[in-house]
N, C-alpha and C. Protein backbone atom coordinates (compact mmCIF):
# COMPACT_ATOMS: atom_id res chain seq x y z
N MET A 1 15.00 -28.62 7.10
CA MET A 1 14.53 -30.19 6.64
C MET A 1 13.13 -29.99 6.22
N ARG A 2 12.87 -30.42 4.99
CA ARG A 2 11.53 -30.39 4.42
C ARG A 2 10.65 -31.34 5.35
N GLY A 3 9.52 -30.59 5.89
CA GLY A 3 8.42 -31.26 6.60
C GLY A 3 8.95 -31.51 8.03
N GLY A 4 10.29 -31.21 8.50
CA GLY A 4 10.51 -31.41 9.91
C GLY A 4 10.05 -30.50 10.89
N ILE A 5 9.59 -29.26 10.46
CA ILE A 5 9.22 -28.29 11.51
C ILE A 5 7.84 -28.52 11.95
N ARG A 6 7.59 -28.54 13.32
CA ARG A 6 6.22 -28.51 13.81
C ARG A 6 5.79 -27.25 14.58
N GLY A 7 4.51 -27.16 15.07
CA GLY A 7 4.24 -25.95 15.71
C GLY A 7 2.99 -25.22 14.92
N THR A 8 2.85 -23.92 15.56
CA THR A 8 1.78 -23.34 14.95
C THR A 8 2.30 -21.91 14.65
N VAL A 9 1.70 -21.31 13.64
CA VAL A 9 2.05 -19.98 13.03
C VAL A 9 0.83 -19.17 13.12
N ARG A 10 0.66 -18.07 14.03
CA ARG A 10 -0.46 -17.13 13.93
C ARG A 10 -0.19 -16.00 13.12
N VAL A 11 -1.03 -15.77 12.03
CA VAL A 11 -0.73 -15.03 10.70
C VAL A 11 -2.02 -13.84 10.91
N GLY A 12 -1.55 -12.68 11.14
CA GLY A 12 -2.69 -11.67 10.88
C GLY A 12 -2.86 -11.21 9.64
N ILE A 13 -4.01 -11.20 9.16
CA ILE A 13 -4.29 -10.78 7.68
C ILE A 13 -5.52 -9.76 7.75
N MET A 14 -5.38 -8.83 6.69
CA MET A 14 -6.34 -7.77 6.53
C MET A 14 -7.59 -8.38 5.92
N HIS A 15 -8.65 -7.67 5.97
CA HIS A 15 -9.84 -8.04 5.43
C HIS A 15 -9.79 -8.17 3.80
N SER A 16 -9.18 -7.42 3.19
CA SER A 16 -9.10 -7.17 1.68
C SER A 16 -7.53 -7.47 1.35
N LEU A 17 -7.08 -8.57 0.92
CA LEU A 17 -5.68 -8.90 0.84
C LEU A 17 -5.28 -9.50 -0.66
N ALA A 18 -6.09 -8.97 -1.61
CA ALA A 18 -5.80 -9.56 -2.91
C ALA A 18 -4.62 -9.05 -3.69
N LEU A 19 -4.10 -8.07 -3.04
CA LEU A 19 -2.69 -7.49 -3.62
C LEU A 19 -1.51 -8.41 -3.62
N ILE A 20 -1.49 -9.33 -2.56
CA ILE A 20 -0.67 -10.43 -2.91
C ILE A 20 -1.39 -11.88 -2.76
N ASP A 21 -0.56 -12.78 -3.23
CA ASP A 21 -1.13 -14.23 -3.31
C ASP A 21 -1.02 -14.95 -2.04
N LEU A 22 -1.86 -14.48 -1.02
CA LEU A 22 -1.76 -15.23 0.06
C LEU A 22 -1.99 -16.59 0.10
N ALA A 23 -3.16 -16.99 -0.63
CA ALA A 23 -3.50 -18.39 -0.74
C ALA A 23 -2.41 -19.24 -1.18
N GLY A 24 -1.62 -18.67 -2.29
CA GLY A 24 -0.52 -19.33 -2.75
C GLY A 24 0.58 -19.47 -1.63
N LEU A 25 0.81 -18.53 -0.98
CA LEU A 25 1.94 -18.67 0.17
C LEU A 25 1.44 -19.70 1.24
N LEU A 26 0.23 -19.66 1.70
CA LEU A 26 -0.14 -20.59 2.64
C LEU A 26 -0.18 -21.87 2.14
N THR A 27 -0.52 -22.25 0.80
CA THR A 27 -0.54 -23.47 0.41
C THR A 27 0.97 -24.12 0.10
N ARG A 28 1.79 -23.13 -0.35
CA ARG A 28 3.21 -23.71 -0.51
C ARG A 28 3.90 -23.99 0.85
N TYR A 29 3.52 -23.08 1.78
CA TYR A 29 4.15 -23.46 3.27
C TYR A 29 3.81 -24.66 3.65
N HIS A 30 2.42 -24.86 3.67
CA HIS A 30 1.89 -26.13 4.12
C HIS A 30 2.31 -27.47 3.45
N ARG A 31 2.81 -27.34 2.11
CA ARG A 31 3.42 -28.42 1.44
C ARG A 31 4.78 -28.71 1.93
N GLU A 32 5.46 -27.53 2.26
CA GLU A 32 6.68 -27.80 2.63
C GLU A 32 7.02 -28.31 4.11
N HIS A 33 5.86 -27.78 4.92
CA HIS A 33 5.77 -28.07 6.38
C HIS A 33 4.57 -28.54 6.83
N PRO A 34 4.19 -29.61 6.26
CA PRO A 34 2.66 -30.10 6.62
C PRO A 34 2.45 -30.32 7.95
N GLU A 35 3.33 -30.40 8.96
CA GLU A 35 3.06 -30.50 10.45
C GLU A 35 2.94 -29.20 11.28
N VAL A 36 3.05 -28.24 10.40
CA VAL A 36 2.71 -26.91 10.99
C VAL A 36 1.27 -26.35 10.97
N ARG A 37 0.72 -26.04 12.02
CA ARG A 37 -0.59 -25.43 11.97
C ARG A 37 -0.66 -23.96 11.79
N LEU A 38 -1.38 -23.59 10.51
CA LEU A 38 -1.38 -22.14 10.24
C LEU A 38 -2.71 -21.73 10.69
N VAL A 39 -2.62 -20.54 11.44
CA VAL A 39 -3.89 -19.93 11.90
C VAL A 39 -4.02 -18.54 11.33
N PRO A 40 -4.60 -18.25 10.10
CA PRO A 40 -4.76 -17.00 9.69
C PRO A 40 -5.92 -16.06 10.82
N SER A 41 -5.60 -15.00 10.96
CA SER A 41 -6.52 -14.20 12.04
C SER A 41 -6.93 -12.82 11.40
N PRO A 42 -8.10 -12.51 11.13
CA PRO A 42 -8.41 -11.15 10.66
C PRO A 42 -8.53 -10.22 12.06
N ALA A 43 -8.66 -8.94 11.82
CA ALA A 43 -9.04 -8.17 12.98
C ALA A 43 -10.02 -7.15 12.59
N GLU A 44 -11.01 -6.83 13.31
CA GLU A 44 -11.94 -6.06 13.17
C GLU A 44 -11.38 -4.57 13.24
N GLY A 45 -10.38 -4.32 13.96
CA GLY A 45 -9.70 -2.93 14.02
C GLY A 45 -8.70 -2.78 12.92
N GLY A 46 -8.57 -3.59 12.02
CA GLY A 46 -7.77 -3.33 10.86
C GLY A 46 -6.17 -3.38 11.03
N SER A 47 -5.64 -2.74 10.30
CA SER A 47 -4.03 -2.81 10.33
C SER A 47 -3.58 -2.17 11.77
N VAL A 48 -4.14 -1.44 12.36
CA VAL A 48 -3.76 -0.78 13.60
C VAL A 48 -3.80 -1.83 14.63
N GLU A 49 -4.89 -2.70 14.61
CA GLU A 49 -5.12 -3.81 15.58
C GLU A 49 -4.01 -4.90 15.35
N LEU A 50 -3.83 -5.29 14.06
CA LEU A 50 -2.78 -6.37 13.62
C LEU A 50 -1.52 -5.92 14.19
N ALA A 51 -1.07 -4.81 14.01
CA ALA A 51 0.17 -4.36 14.48
C ALA A 51 0.29 -4.57 16.15
N GLN A 52 -0.71 -4.02 16.62
CA GLN A 52 -0.61 -4.15 18.06
C GLN A 52 -0.61 -5.56 18.62
N ALA A 53 -1.36 -6.35 17.88
CA ALA A 53 -1.36 -7.85 18.22
C ALA A 53 -0.06 -8.39 17.98
N VAL A 54 0.96 -8.04 17.02
CA VAL A 54 2.20 -8.63 16.88
C VAL A 54 3.03 -8.05 17.84
N ALA A 55 2.97 -6.73 18.25
CA ALA A 55 3.69 -6.11 19.23
C ALA A 55 3.51 -6.80 20.79
N GLU A 56 2.26 -7.19 20.89
CA GLU A 56 1.76 -7.84 22.14
C GLU A 56 2.18 -9.39 22.24
N GLY A 57 2.47 -9.94 21.03
CA GLY A 57 2.78 -11.41 21.18
C GLY A 57 1.50 -12.19 20.92
N ARG A 58 0.49 -11.71 20.52
CA ARG A 58 -0.87 -12.44 20.16
C ARG A 58 -0.71 -13.06 18.80
N LEU A 59 0.09 -12.48 17.85
CA LEU A 59 0.23 -12.92 16.50
C LEU A 59 1.65 -13.01 16.36
N ASP A 60 2.20 -14.03 15.45
CA ASP A 60 3.63 -14.14 15.40
C ASP A 60 4.03 -13.19 14.19
N LEU A 61 3.10 -12.87 13.28
CA LEU A 61 3.43 -11.88 12.19
C LEU A 61 2.22 -11.35 11.61
N ALA A 62 2.19 -10.43 10.63
CA ALA A 62 0.92 -10.06 10.12
C ALA A 62 1.27 -9.34 8.78
N PHE A 63 0.20 -9.50 7.86
CA PHE A 63 0.14 -8.73 6.75
C PHE A 63 -0.72 -7.63 6.90
N ALA A 64 -0.35 -6.59 7.03
CA ALA A 64 -0.93 -5.17 7.29
C ALA A 64 -0.44 -3.99 6.68
N SER A 65 -1.27 -2.79 7.04
CA SER A 65 -0.81 -1.56 6.34
C SER A 65 -0.75 -0.47 7.54
N PRO A 66 0.03 -0.87 8.62
CA PRO A 66 0.16 0.03 9.72
C PRO A 66 0.61 1.38 9.43
N PRO A 67 0.20 2.46 10.22
CA PRO A 67 0.46 3.76 10.01
C PRO A 67 1.92 4.13 10.38
N ALA A 68 2.55 5.38 10.08
CA ALA A 68 3.76 5.72 10.79
C ALA A 68 3.48 5.80 12.42
N GLY A 69 4.51 5.53 12.98
CA GLY A 69 4.32 5.54 14.58
C GLY A 69 3.64 4.20 15.07
N SER A 70 3.86 3.14 14.41
CA SER A 70 3.29 1.94 15.03
C SER A 70 3.88 1.58 16.21
N PRO A 71 3.59 0.71 16.86
CA PRO A 71 4.04 0.29 18.22
C PRO A 71 5.54 -0.10 18.10
N SER A 72 6.35 0.29 19.02
CA SER A 72 8.02 0.00 18.93
C SER A 72 8.03 -1.69 18.78
N GLY A 73 9.27 -1.95 18.51
CA GLY A 73 9.50 -3.40 18.38
C GLY A 73 9.01 -4.13 17.45
N LEU A 74 8.73 -3.53 16.18
CA LEU A 74 8.30 -4.02 15.08
C LEU A 74 9.09 -3.73 13.93
N ASP A 75 9.34 -4.61 12.96
CA ASP A 75 10.02 -4.62 11.72
C ASP A 75 8.64 -4.58 10.72
N VAL A 76 8.48 -3.40 9.88
CA VAL A 76 7.48 -3.17 9.00
C VAL A 76 8.15 -3.16 7.68
N ARG A 77 7.94 -4.20 6.67
CA ARG A 77 8.64 -4.08 5.61
C ARG A 77 7.52 -4.11 4.47
N SER A 78 7.62 -3.38 3.52
CA SER A 78 6.46 -3.28 2.50
C SER A 78 6.88 -4.22 1.54
N ILE A 79 5.86 -5.02 1.05
CA ILE A 79 6.05 -6.17 0.09
C ILE A 79 5.10 -5.83 -1.07
N ALA A 80 4.24 -4.95 -1.11
CA ALA A 80 3.34 -4.64 -2.38
C ALA A 80 2.69 -3.33 -2.11
N ALA A 81 2.39 -2.66 -3.25
CA ALA A 81 1.48 -1.39 -2.96
C ALA A 81 0.99 -1.23 -4.36
N GLU A 82 -0.11 -0.31 -4.43
CA GLU A 82 -0.68 0.06 -5.66
C GLU A 82 -1.42 1.34 -5.33
N LYS A 83 -1.60 2.11 -6.44
CA LYS A 83 -2.34 3.40 -6.33
C LYS A 83 -3.92 3.13 -6.11
N MET A 84 -4.54 4.11 -5.31
CA MET A 84 -5.87 3.86 -5.06
C MET A 84 -6.75 4.82 -6.07
N LEU A 85 -7.70 4.58 -6.61
CA LEU A 85 -8.51 5.17 -7.50
C LEU A 85 -9.85 5.73 -6.87
N LEU A 86 -10.16 7.08 -7.24
CA LEU A 86 -11.42 7.59 -6.73
C LEU A 86 -12.75 7.13 -7.49
N ALA A 87 -13.68 6.41 -6.64
CA ALA A 87 -14.88 5.95 -7.34
C ALA A 87 -15.89 7.24 -7.12
N CYS A 88 -16.45 7.53 -8.17
CA CYS A 88 -17.32 8.71 -8.36
C CYS A 88 -18.84 8.45 -8.34
N PRO A 89 -19.58 9.26 -7.68
CA PRO A 89 -21.08 8.96 -7.88
C PRO A 89 -21.49 9.26 -9.43
N PRO A 90 -22.23 8.58 -9.92
CA PRO A 90 -22.39 8.82 -11.37
C PRO A 90 -22.96 10.13 -11.96
N ASP A 91 -23.81 10.73 -11.04
CA ASP A 91 -24.32 11.98 -11.43
C ASP A 91 -23.50 13.25 -10.89
N HIS A 92 -22.40 12.97 -10.33
CA HIS A 92 -21.54 14.16 -9.96
C HIS A 92 -20.78 14.71 -10.92
N PRO A 93 -20.66 16.06 -11.21
CA PRO A 93 -19.89 16.59 -12.30
C PRO A 93 -18.51 16.15 -12.41
N LEU A 94 -17.80 15.89 -11.43
CA LEU A 94 -16.40 15.43 -11.42
C LEU A 94 -16.37 14.07 -12.17
N ALA A 95 -17.47 13.31 -12.10
CA ALA A 95 -17.28 11.95 -12.88
C ALA A 95 -17.27 12.13 -14.23
N ARG A 96 -17.41 13.31 -14.82
CA ARG A 96 -17.05 13.50 -16.15
C ARG A 96 -15.62 13.78 -16.51
N ARG A 97 -14.90 13.98 -15.50
CA ARG A 97 -13.54 14.38 -15.63
C ARG A 97 -12.60 13.24 -15.91
N ARG A 98 -11.43 13.15 -16.71
CA ARG A 98 -10.47 12.18 -16.83
C ARG A 98 -9.77 11.98 -15.62
N ARG A 99 -9.49 13.12 -14.99
CA ARG A 99 -8.30 13.20 -13.89
C ARG A 99 -8.98 14.25 -12.85
N ILE A 100 -8.58 14.15 -11.64
CA ILE A 100 -9.34 15.03 -10.49
C ILE A 100 -8.16 15.39 -9.59
N ALA A 101 -8.05 16.70 -9.51
CA ALA A 101 -7.20 17.49 -8.44
C ALA A 101 -7.82 17.00 -7.09
N LEU A 102 -6.89 16.61 -6.13
CA LEU A 102 -7.45 16.37 -4.91
C LEU A 102 -7.94 17.36 -4.10
N SER A 103 -7.57 18.59 -4.44
CA SER A 103 -8.12 19.97 -3.87
C SER A 103 -9.53 19.99 -4.22
N GLU A 104 -10.00 19.57 -5.38
CA GLU A 104 -11.42 19.70 -5.68
C GLU A 104 -12.39 18.95 -4.94
N LEU A 105 -11.76 17.93 -4.11
CA LEU A 105 -12.59 16.89 -3.08
C LEU A 105 -12.83 17.49 -1.89
N ASP A 106 -12.12 18.80 -1.67
CA ASP A 106 -12.34 19.41 -0.34
C ASP A 106 -13.67 19.69 0.21
N GLY A 107 -14.23 19.12 1.30
CA GLY A 107 -15.38 19.15 1.75
C GLY A 107 -16.56 18.30 1.03
N GLU A 108 -16.05 17.43 0.16
CA GLU A 108 -16.91 16.52 -0.50
C GLU A 108 -17.51 15.45 0.55
N ARG A 109 -18.55 14.68 0.30
CA ARG A 109 -19.15 13.60 0.94
C ARG A 109 -18.31 12.33 0.70
N PHE A 110 -17.99 11.66 1.50
CA PHE A 110 -17.34 10.40 1.30
C PHE A 110 -18.01 9.07 2.19
N VAL A 111 -17.86 7.95 1.30
CA VAL A 111 -18.12 6.51 1.95
C VAL A 111 -16.83 6.23 2.40
N ASP A 112 -16.37 5.70 3.58
CA ASP A 112 -15.00 5.19 3.93
C ASP A 112 -15.29 3.96 4.65
N TYR A 113 -13.93 3.56 4.95
CA TYR A 113 -13.57 2.22 5.60
C TYR A 113 -13.58 2.70 7.12
N PRO A 114 -13.64 1.65 7.99
CA PRO A 114 -13.57 1.93 9.32
C PRO A 114 -12.04 2.41 9.76
N PRO A 115 -11.93 3.34 10.71
CA PRO A 115 -10.69 3.78 11.27
C PRO A 115 -9.74 2.73 11.59
N GLY A 116 -8.55 2.59 11.20
CA GLY A 116 -7.51 1.52 11.53
C GLY A 116 -7.31 0.63 10.29
N TRP A 117 -8.10 0.71 9.47
CA TRP A 117 -8.06 -0.11 8.08
C TRP A 117 -6.91 0.50 7.12
N GLY A 118 -6.11 -0.26 6.49
CA GLY A 118 -5.13 0.10 5.73
C GLY A 118 -5.68 1.25 4.57
N THR A 119 -6.68 0.79 3.93
CA THR A 119 -7.16 1.70 3.02
C THR A 119 -7.77 3.08 3.57
N ARG A 120 -8.17 3.06 4.69
CA ARG A 120 -8.63 4.34 5.32
C ARG A 120 -7.41 5.20 5.73
N LEU A 121 -6.34 4.35 6.16
CA LEU A 121 -5.14 5.11 6.79
C LEU A 121 -4.52 5.81 5.73
N GLY A 122 -4.31 5.33 4.68
CA GLY A 122 -3.62 6.15 3.46
C GLY A 122 -4.26 7.44 3.04
N VAL A 123 -5.67 7.38 2.95
CA VAL A 123 -6.52 8.37 2.53
C VAL A 123 -6.52 9.39 3.68
N ASP A 124 -6.74 9.16 4.81
CA ASP A 124 -6.52 10.01 5.98
C ASP A 124 -5.14 10.75 5.84
N ARG A 125 -4.08 9.88 5.73
CA ARG A 125 -2.68 10.79 5.83
C ARG A 125 -2.70 11.76 4.47
N LEU A 126 -3.24 11.27 3.46
CA LEU A 126 -3.08 12.20 2.16
C LEU A 126 -3.73 13.49 2.37
N PHE A 127 -5.08 13.38 2.90
CA PHE A 127 -5.92 14.49 3.20
C PHE A 127 -5.14 15.51 4.33
N ALA A 128 -4.63 14.78 5.31
CA ALA A 128 -4.18 15.71 6.26
C ALA A 128 -2.82 16.33 5.90
N ASP A 129 -2.01 15.59 5.06
CA ASP A 129 -0.72 16.19 4.52
C ASP A 129 -1.14 17.39 3.53
N SER A 130 -2.44 17.42 2.89
CA SER A 130 -2.69 18.27 1.78
C SER A 130 -3.51 19.56 2.41
N GLY A 131 -3.83 19.37 3.79
CA GLY A 131 -4.64 20.54 4.43
C GLY A 131 -6.01 20.44 4.07
N LEU A 132 -6.66 19.30 3.57
CA LEU A 132 -7.80 19.15 3.05
C LEU A 132 -8.80 18.35 4.00
N GLN A 133 -10.14 18.44 4.01
CA GLN A 133 -10.94 17.70 4.64
C GLN A 133 -11.97 17.02 3.75
N ARG A 134 -12.60 15.92 4.40
CA ARG A 134 -13.74 15.29 3.57
C ARG A 134 -14.80 14.97 4.69
N GLN A 135 -16.02 14.87 4.04
CA GLN A 135 -17.13 14.54 5.01
C GLN A 135 -17.39 13.15 5.11
N ILE A 136 -16.96 12.43 6.01
CA ILE A 136 -17.22 10.90 6.06
C ILE A 136 -18.61 10.69 6.73
N GLN A 137 -19.64 10.34 5.89
CA GLN A 137 -20.98 10.17 6.07
C GLN A 137 -21.30 8.63 6.71
N VAL A 138 -20.62 7.74 6.11
CA VAL A 138 -20.75 6.38 6.53
C VAL A 138 -19.53 5.64 6.62
N GLU A 139 -19.29 4.65 7.41
CA GLU A 139 -18.10 3.85 7.46
C GLU A 139 -18.65 2.39 7.13
N VAL A 140 -18.06 1.76 6.23
CA VAL A 140 -18.59 0.36 5.91
C VAL A 140 -17.18 -0.56 5.93
N GLY A 141 -17.38 -1.70 6.59
CA GLY A 141 -16.22 -2.56 6.58
C GLY A 141 -16.47 -3.63 5.51
N ASP A 142 -16.82 -3.21 4.30
CA ASP A 142 -17.01 -4.27 3.30
C ASP A 142 -16.83 -3.47 1.92
N VAL A 143 -15.95 -3.88 1.14
CA VAL A 143 -15.55 -3.01 -0.15
C VAL A 143 -16.78 -3.06 -1.11
N PRO A 144 -17.42 -4.26 -1.36
CA PRO A 144 -18.41 -4.20 -2.30
C PRO A 144 -19.71 -3.36 -1.84
N THR A 145 -19.88 -3.20 -0.54
CA THR A 145 -20.89 -2.28 0.01
C THR A 145 -20.51 -0.86 -0.42
N VAL A 146 -19.24 -0.46 0.02
CA VAL A 146 -18.76 0.71 -0.43
C VAL A 146 -19.01 1.09 -1.79
N ALA A 147 -18.74 0.20 -2.62
CA ALA A 147 -18.94 0.51 -4.20
C ALA A 147 -20.48 0.69 -4.47
N GLU A 148 -21.39 -0.12 -3.88
CA GLU A 148 -22.73 0.02 -4.06
C GLU A 148 -23.25 1.27 -3.67
N LEU A 149 -22.70 1.84 -2.53
CA LEU A 149 -23.19 3.24 -2.03
C LEU A 149 -22.71 4.18 -2.96
N VAL A 150 -21.49 4.03 -3.52
CA VAL A 150 -20.93 5.14 -4.43
C VAL A 150 -21.94 5.17 -5.70
N ARG A 151 -22.22 3.87 -6.21
CA ARG A 151 -23.04 3.55 -7.41
C ARG A 151 -24.45 4.35 -7.24
N ALA A 152 -24.82 4.29 -5.94
CA ALA A 152 -26.33 4.87 -5.61
C ALA A 152 -26.15 6.46 -5.58
N GLY A 153 -24.95 6.92 -5.47
CA GLY A 153 -24.84 8.48 -5.39
C GLY A 153 -24.65 8.85 -3.87
N PHE A 154 -24.21 8.03 -3.11
CA PHE A 154 -23.94 8.41 -1.66
C PHE A 154 -23.00 9.43 -1.50
N GLY A 155 -21.81 8.96 -2.17
CA GLY A 155 -20.67 9.88 -1.95
C GLY A 155 -19.36 9.24 -2.76
N PHE A 156 -18.29 9.91 -2.64
CA PHE A 156 -17.21 9.39 -3.20
C PHE A 156 -16.66 8.34 -2.25
N ALA A 157 -15.63 7.61 -2.79
CA ALA A 157 -14.84 6.65 -2.13
C ALA A 157 -13.50 6.36 -2.82
N PHE A 158 -12.48 6.20 -2.16
CA PHE A 158 -11.11 5.58 -2.58
C PHE A 158 -11.19 4.28 -2.67
N ILE A 159 -10.85 3.51 -3.68
CA ILE A 159 -10.96 2.12 -3.71
C ILE A 159 -9.33 1.58 -4.29
N SER A 160 -8.93 0.57 -3.54
CA SER A 160 -7.78 -0.01 -4.13
C SER A 160 -8.18 -1.14 -5.15
N PRO A 161 -7.76 -0.98 -6.33
CA PRO A 161 -8.52 -1.86 -7.42
C PRO A 161 -8.21 -3.29 -7.21
N SER A 162 -7.23 -3.76 -6.63
CA SER A 162 -7.15 -5.25 -6.36
C SER A 162 -8.18 -5.78 -5.23
N THR A 163 -8.85 -4.82 -4.63
CA THR A 163 -9.78 -5.41 -3.74
C THR A 163 -11.33 -5.40 -4.28
N LEU A 164 -11.42 -4.90 -5.51
CA LEU A 164 -12.74 -4.95 -6.20
C LEU A 164 -12.54 -5.16 -7.61
N PRO A 165 -12.31 -6.29 -7.88
CA PRO A 165 -11.75 -6.85 -9.38
C PRO A 165 -12.98 -6.57 -10.55
N GLN A 166 -14.23 -6.78 -9.83
CA GLN A 166 -15.22 -6.62 -10.89
C GLN A 166 -15.81 -5.21 -10.59
N ALA A 167 -15.33 -4.35 -11.35
CA ALA A 167 -15.82 -2.83 -11.23
C ALA A 167 -15.98 -2.12 -12.45
N ASP A 168 -16.62 -2.94 -13.46
CA ASP A 168 -16.77 -2.30 -14.74
C ASP A 168 -17.66 -1.26 -14.85
N ASP A 169 -18.73 -1.22 -14.04
CA ASP A 169 -19.70 -0.26 -14.19
C ASP A 169 -19.62 0.84 -12.99
N LEU A 170 -18.39 0.86 -12.30
CA LEU A 170 -17.99 1.81 -11.31
C LEU A 170 -17.12 2.88 -11.95
N ILE A 171 -17.47 4.16 -11.85
CA ILE A 171 -16.47 5.15 -12.37
C ILE A 171 -15.28 5.42 -11.58
N LEU A 172 -14.31 5.19 -12.01
CA LEU A 172 -12.92 5.20 -11.18
C LEU A 172 -12.04 6.31 -11.88
N ARG A 173 -11.52 7.12 -11.07
CA ARG A 173 -10.67 8.18 -11.73
C ARG A 173 -9.53 8.36 -10.87
N PRO A 174 -8.22 8.55 -11.47
CA PRO A 174 -7.01 8.90 -10.73
C PRO A 174 -7.09 10.31 -10.11
N THR A 175 -6.48 10.53 -9.29
CA THR A 175 -6.44 11.94 -8.61
C THR A 175 -5.05 12.39 -8.50
N ARG A 176 -4.68 13.71 -8.37
CA ARG A 176 -3.47 14.33 -8.10
C ARG A 176 -3.42 15.08 -7.05
N PRO A 177 -2.63 14.75 -6.02
CA PRO A 177 -1.90 13.36 -5.77
C PRO A 177 -2.78 12.29 -5.54
N TYR A 178 -2.30 11.08 -5.36
CA TYR A 178 -3.31 9.99 -5.02
C TYR A 178 -2.92 9.18 -3.71
N PRO A 179 -3.71 8.63 -3.09
CA PRO A 179 -3.45 7.83 -1.94
C PRO A 179 -2.76 6.49 -2.28
N GLU A 180 -2.11 5.86 -1.53
CA GLU A 180 -1.50 4.50 -1.90
C GLU A 180 -1.93 3.44 -0.94
N PHE A 181 -2.38 2.37 -1.50
CA PHE A 181 -2.48 1.24 -0.38
C PHE A 181 -1.35 0.25 -0.37
N SER A 182 -0.71 0.14 0.61
CA SER A 182 0.43 -0.86 0.86
C SER A 182 0.24 -1.97 1.70
N VAL A 183 0.61 -3.12 1.40
CA VAL A 183 0.73 -4.31 2.31
C VAL A 183 2.16 -4.26 2.87
N ALA A 184 2.26 -4.60 4.07
CA ALA A 184 3.75 -4.98 4.61
C ALA A 184 3.69 -6.18 5.49
N LEU A 185 4.87 -6.75 5.62
CA LEU A 185 4.89 -7.93 6.45
C LEU A 185 5.48 -7.28 7.87
N VAL A 186 4.60 -7.51 8.84
CA VAL A 186 4.88 -6.93 10.19
C VAL A 186 5.37 -8.18 11.10
N THR A 187 6.61 -7.88 11.59
CA THR A 187 7.26 -8.95 12.60
C THR A 187 7.74 -8.40 13.71
N PRO A 188 8.00 -9.20 14.88
CA PRO A 188 8.46 -8.57 15.96
C PRO A 188 10.13 -8.54 15.93
N THR A 189 10.71 -7.46 16.70
CA THR A 189 12.11 -7.47 16.74
C THR A 189 12.38 -7.54 18.17
N THR A 190 11.68 -7.84 19.25
CA THR A 190 12.00 -7.84 20.53
C THR A 190 11.92 -9.15 21.16
N ARG A 191 11.48 -10.14 20.40
CA ARG A 191 11.31 -11.47 20.85
C ARG A 191 11.69 -12.48 19.93
N PRO A 192 12.29 -13.71 20.36
CA PRO A 192 12.52 -14.69 19.38
C PRO A 192 11.28 -15.46 18.81
N LEU A 193 11.16 -15.68 17.54
CA LEU A 193 10.12 -16.49 16.85
C LEU A 193 10.60 -18.05 16.70
N SER A 194 9.51 -18.64 16.64
CA SER A 194 9.78 -20.18 16.52
C SER A 194 10.37 -20.46 15.18
N ALA A 195 10.73 -21.65 15.23
CA ALA A 195 11.38 -21.98 13.70
C ALA A 195 10.22 -22.09 12.60
N ALA A 196 9.03 -22.46 12.98
CA ALA A 196 7.97 -22.46 12.16
C ALA A 196 7.54 -21.03 11.60
N ALA A 197 7.64 -19.93 12.44
CA ALA A 197 7.51 -18.70 12.02
C ALA A 197 8.47 -18.12 11.26
N ARG A 198 9.83 -18.41 11.61
CA ARG A 198 10.85 -17.95 10.83
C ARG A 198 10.90 -18.50 9.47
N ALA A 199 10.44 -19.78 9.24
CA ALA A 199 10.42 -20.35 7.90
C ALA A 199 9.21 -19.69 6.98
N PHE A 200 8.12 -19.39 7.68
CA PHE A 200 7.13 -18.66 7.05
C PHE A 200 7.66 -17.26 6.54
N ILE A 201 8.27 -16.61 7.15
CA ILE A 201 8.84 -15.31 7.04
C ILE A 201 9.83 -15.44 5.83
N ALA A 202 10.69 -16.34 5.84
CA ALA A 202 11.63 -16.69 4.94
C ALA A 202 10.98 -16.92 3.55
N LEU A 203 9.94 -17.58 3.57
CA LEU A 203 9.26 -18.09 2.35
C LEU A 203 8.65 -16.69 1.65
N VAL A 204 8.20 -15.80 2.71
CA VAL A 204 7.55 -14.43 2.14
C VAL A 204 8.59 -13.86 1.48
N HIS A 205 9.79 -13.70 2.00
CA HIS A 205 10.99 -12.90 1.47
C HIS A 205 11.39 -13.43 0.24
N SER A 206 11.40 -14.70 0.09
CA SER A 206 11.98 -15.29 -1.19
C SER A 206 10.92 -15.43 -2.20
N THR A 207 9.47 -15.35 -1.92
CA THR A 207 8.64 -15.26 -2.92
C THR A 207 8.12 -13.85 -3.25
N LEU A 208 7.99 -13.02 -2.39
CA LEU A 208 7.49 -11.68 -2.94
C LEU A 208 8.59 -10.60 -3.26
N PRO A 209 8.17 -9.78 -3.98
CA PRO A 209 9.30 -8.80 -4.36
C PRO A 209 9.90 -7.90 -3.13
N LYS A 210 11.20 -7.66 -2.95
CA LYS A 210 11.56 -6.91 -2.11
C LYS A 210 11.48 -5.39 -2.06
N ARG A 211 11.02 -4.72 -1.05
CA ARG A 211 10.76 -3.53 -0.93
C ARG A 211 11.50 -2.75 0.09
N HIS A 212 11.53 -1.47 0.34
CA HIS A 212 12.23 -0.91 1.33
C HIS A 212 11.48 -0.87 2.70
N PRO A 213 12.03 -1.13 3.97
CA PRO A 213 11.28 -1.08 5.13
C PRO A 213 10.55 0.28 5.07
N MET A 214 9.36 0.29 5.94
CA MET A 214 8.46 1.39 6.15
C MET A 214 8.74 2.11 7.30
């Protein structure tokens, strides 16, 4: 019944979530269920912490990019994904290339995000699977600052384009293979959810493209 649901929905969100229209989702849900209180909650520990909070019942659901082997009792369903691009220091020889083999980055200096962030997890996984290493010289929990450090020549960084829409002066190159940044809806499978939380999950599934479980 429209507007008949009451309660609170605790929604975990990543720091950079431009890949989906979260504002549109929250606004539509509020219009349909004005007496439900929505509590968006970021986590300093990124996707790993968000998934753990859902598993422990501190959050009803979360938009996150958790790694394989997330806590048991979770349904992790991908709802959006994009290729990450390599941001190159302007004076590095690889910046003049149109496409870069990942193997050419072995041992290179990188600016990266904190451990547990979805953008970090995808890159870590790709390098590990490829048997390569990168030198992480600084970890920054802010995408614009990561871009500024790359522009200044500090090192390379992989960036999800949706998190940095104003990047005209940043040298971005595709790599072979490439890391992927994905956003998943994380929900619990071992406890019942409130009617308010179930209504929010239903709205997500009806609004966003359907993808395979992760």
